[in-house]
Each structure stands twice: as structure tokens, then as C-alpha cells.
Amino acid sequence: MEQECDRSTNRSDDRKSSGSGAIKALHDIGLSDEDANADLREFRSVLDAWRMTKRTAGRAIVQTLTYLFLGALLAGSYIKITGK
């Protein structure tokens, strides 16, 4: 019975410690005020925009490289066919 009481006390202490640690961490990064929810939504919006920008840039690079490769193949074919 005493071990159960000790475990329960330890769990309670762990919860209090983790809760105060989380509050301190949020305070340290400036997310402890009433505007924290809005700040997090804005951060997520910026992060989503960044991810979309990376995806779009990656697609543009692949598309450009594909066009260059196909252009080189076309030019090489033209040169081989015409003998120029």
C-alpha cells in the first residue's frame, strides 16, 4: 500500500514539474500571454506558406531541368539529321 502511495505522489510531482516546465518554456519563447493562440496560428500559416514555396520552387527547378534536357535532345537530333 505504501508503494502505491509513493507512486501516486511521484506521478503527481512529475505532473507538477512537467507543467511548470512547460509554462516556463512557453514564457521563455514569448508564448505566455493572451496573444499566444494568435501567434501560433500565424506561425503555422507562415510555416505552411514556406512549405508551399519550397514545393513550388522544387517543381520549377525540375521543370526547367526537364525543358533543358529535352531542348538539348531536340538540338542534338536536329544537328544529326541536318548534318550541321
C-alpha atoms as a PDB file:
ATOM      1  CA  MET A   1       0.000   0.000   0.000  1.00  0.00           C
ATOM      2  CA  GLU A   2       2.863   2.339   0.833  1.00  0.00           C
ATOM      3  CA  GLN A   3       4.420   1.781  -2.616  1.00  0.00           C
ATOM      4  CA  GLU A   4       1.150   2.749  -4.313  1.00  0.00           C
ATOM      5  CA  CYS A   5       1.040   5.941  -2.279  1.00  0.00           C
ATOM      6  CA  ASP A   6       4.664   6.704  -3.220  1.00  0.00           C
ATOM      7  CA  ARG A   7       3.937   6.058  -6.899  1.00  0.00           C
ATOM      8  CA  SER A   8       0.874   8.268  -6.781  1.00  0.00           C
ATOM      9  CA  THR A   9       2.872  11.021  -5.103  1.00  0.00           C
ATOM     10  CA  ASN A  10       5.673  10.629  -7.646  1.00  0.00           C
ATOM     11  CA  ARG A  11       3.214  10.867 -10.548  1.00  0.00           C
ATOM     12  CA  SER A  12       1.649  13.960  -9.026  1.00  0.00           C
ATOM     13  CA  ASP A  13       5.066  15.542  -8.533  1.00  0.00           C
ATOM     14  CA  ASP A  14       6.040  14.633 -12.104  1.00  0.00           C
ATOM     15  CA  ARG A  15       2.880  16.280 -13.460  1.00  0.00           C
ATOM     16  CA  LYS A  16       3.510  19.432 -11.447  1.00  0.00           C
ATOM     17  CA  SER A  17       7.142  19.565 -12.565  1.00  0.00           C
ATOM     18  CA  SER A  18       6.325  18.990 -16.209  1.00  0.00           C
ATOM     19  CA  GLY A  19       3.528  21.543 -16.059  1.00  0.00           C
ATOM     20  CA  SER A  20       5.740  24.203 -14.531  1.00  0.00           C
ATOM     21  CA  GLY A  21       8.491  23.328 -17.013  1.00  0.00           C
ATOM     22  CA  ALA A  22       6.084  23.719 -19.920  1.00  0.00           C
ATOM     23  CA  ILE A  23       4.853  27.060 -18.589  1.00  0.00           C
ATOM     24  CA  LYS A  24       8.445  28.265 -18.189  1.00  0.00           C
ATOM     25  CA  ALA A  25       9.340  27.113 -21.714  1.00  0.00           C
ATOM     26  CA  LEU A  26       6.321  28.943 -23.180  1.00  0.00           C
ATOM     27  CA  HIS A  27       7.251  32.047 -21.212  1.00  0.00           C
ATOM     28  CA  ASP A  28      10.856  31.840 -22.424  1.00  0.00           C
ATOM     29  CA  ILE A  29       9.786  31.876 -26.079  1.00  0.00           C
ATOM     30  CA  GLY A  30       7.176  34.582 -25.557  1.00  0.00           C
ATOM     31  CA  LEU A  31       4.029  32.480 -25.759  1.00  0.00           C
ATOM     32  CA  SER A  32       2.654  33.056 -22.270  1.00  0.00           C
ATOM     33  CA  ASP A  33       0.284  35.965 -22.976  1.00  0.00           C
ATOM     34  CA  GLU A  34      -3.274  36.162 -24.328  1.00  0.00           C
ATOM     35  CA  ASP A  35      -1.991  36.528 -27.906  1.00  0.00           C
ATOM     36  CA  ALA A  36      -0.259  33.133 -27.829  1.00  0.00           C
ATOM     37  CA  ASN A  37      -3.018  31.371 -29.785  1.00  0.00           C
ATOM     38  CA  ALA A  38      -2.964  34.033 -32.498  1.00  0.00           C
ATOM     39  CA  ASP A  39       0.834  33.887 -32.577  1.00  0.00           C
ATOM     40  CA  LEU A  40       0.794  30.117 -33.044  1.00  0.00           C
ATOM     41  CA  ARG A  41      -1.821  30.363 -35.804  1.00  0.00           C
ATOM     42  CA  GLU A  42       0.303  32.989 -37.555  1.00  0.00           C
ATOM     43  CA  PHE A  43       3.415  30.842 -37.160  1.00  0.00           C
ATOM     44  CA  ARG A  44       1.607  27.837 -38.646  1.00  0.00           C
ATOM     45  CA  SER A  45       0.421  29.997 -41.528  1.00  0.00           C
ATOM     46  CA  VAL A  46       3.971  31.174 -42.219  1.00  0.00           C
ATOM     47  CA  LEU A  47       5.249  27.604 -41.959  1.00  0.00           C
ATOM     48  CA  ASP A  48       2.600  26.377 -44.408  1.00  0.00           C
ATOM     49  CA  ALA A  49       3.496  29.178 -46.829  1.00  0.00           C
ATOM     50  CA  TRP A  50       7.195  28.261 -46.548  1.00  0.00           C
ATOM     51  CA  ARG A  51       6.440  24.612 -47.280  1.00  0.00           C
ATOM     52  CA  MET A  52       4.336  25.576 -50.286  1.00  0.00           C
ATOM     53  CA  THR A  53       7.118  27.860 -51.530  1.00  0.00           C
ATOM     54  CA  LYS A  54       9.692  25.063 -51.244  1.00  0.00           C
ATOM     55  CA  ARG A  55       7.389  22.680 -53.087  1.00  0.00           C
ATOM     56  CA  THR A  56       6.730  25.215 -55.860  1.00  0.00           C
ATOM     57  CA  ALA A  57      10.422  26.061 -56.204  1.00  0.00           C
ATOM     58  CA  GLY A  58      11.304  22.369 -56.395  1.00  0.00           C
ATOM     59  CA  ARG A  59       8.755  21.802 -59.116  1.00  0.00           C
ATOM     60  CA  ALA A  60      10.025  24.830 -61.055  1.00  0.00           C
ATOM     61  CA  ILE A  61      13.612  23.567 -60.877  1.00  0.00           C
ATOM     62  CA  VAL A  62      12.618  20.086 -62.060  1.00  0.00           C
ATOM     63  CA  GLN A  63      10.524  21.565 -64.865  1.00  0.00           C
ATOM     64  CA  THR A  64      13.379  23.829 -66.005  1.00  0.00           C
ATOM     65  CA  LEU A  65      15.881  20.963 -65.986  1.00  0.00           C
ATOM     66  CA  THR A  66      13.436  18.802 -67.941  1.00  0.00           C
ATOM     67  CA  TYR A  67      12.951  21.510 -70.568  1.00  0.00           C
ATOM     68  CA  LEU A  68      16.729  21.997 -70.857  1.00  0.00           C
ATOM     69  CA  PHE A  69      17.275  18.258 -71.280  1.00  0.00           C
ATOM     70  CA  LEU A  70      14.528  17.951 -73.895  1.00  0.00           C
ATOM     71  CA  GLY A  71      15.857  21.045 -75.691  1.00  0.00           C
ATOM     72  CA  ALA A  72      19.342  19.541 -75.795  1.00  0.00           C
ATOM     73  CA  LEU A  73      17.927  16.283 -77.187  1.00  0.00           C
ATOM     74  CA  LEU A  74      15.987  18.197 -79.817  1.00  0.00           C
ATOM     75  CA  ALA A  75      19.027  20.282 -80.777  1.00  0.00           C
ATOM     76  CA  GLY A  76      21.198  17.169 -80.970  1.00  0.00           C
ATOM     77  CA  SER A  77      18.634  15.419 -83.155  1.00  0.00           C
ATOM     78  CA  TYR A  78      18.378  18.440 -85.436  1.00  0.00           C
ATOM     79  CA  ILE A  79      22.163  18.638 -85.795  1.00  0.00           C
ATOM     80  CA  LYS A  80      22.441  14.919 -86.516  1.00  0.00           C
ATOM     81  CA  ILE A  81      19.614  14.939 -89.086  1.00  0.00           C
ATOM     82  CA  THR A  82      20.710  18.070 -90.964  1.00  0.00           C
ATOM     83  CA  GLY A  83      24.429  17.395 -90.645  1.00  0.00           C
ATOM     84  CA  LYS A  84      25.170  20.920 -89.359  1.00  0.00           C
END
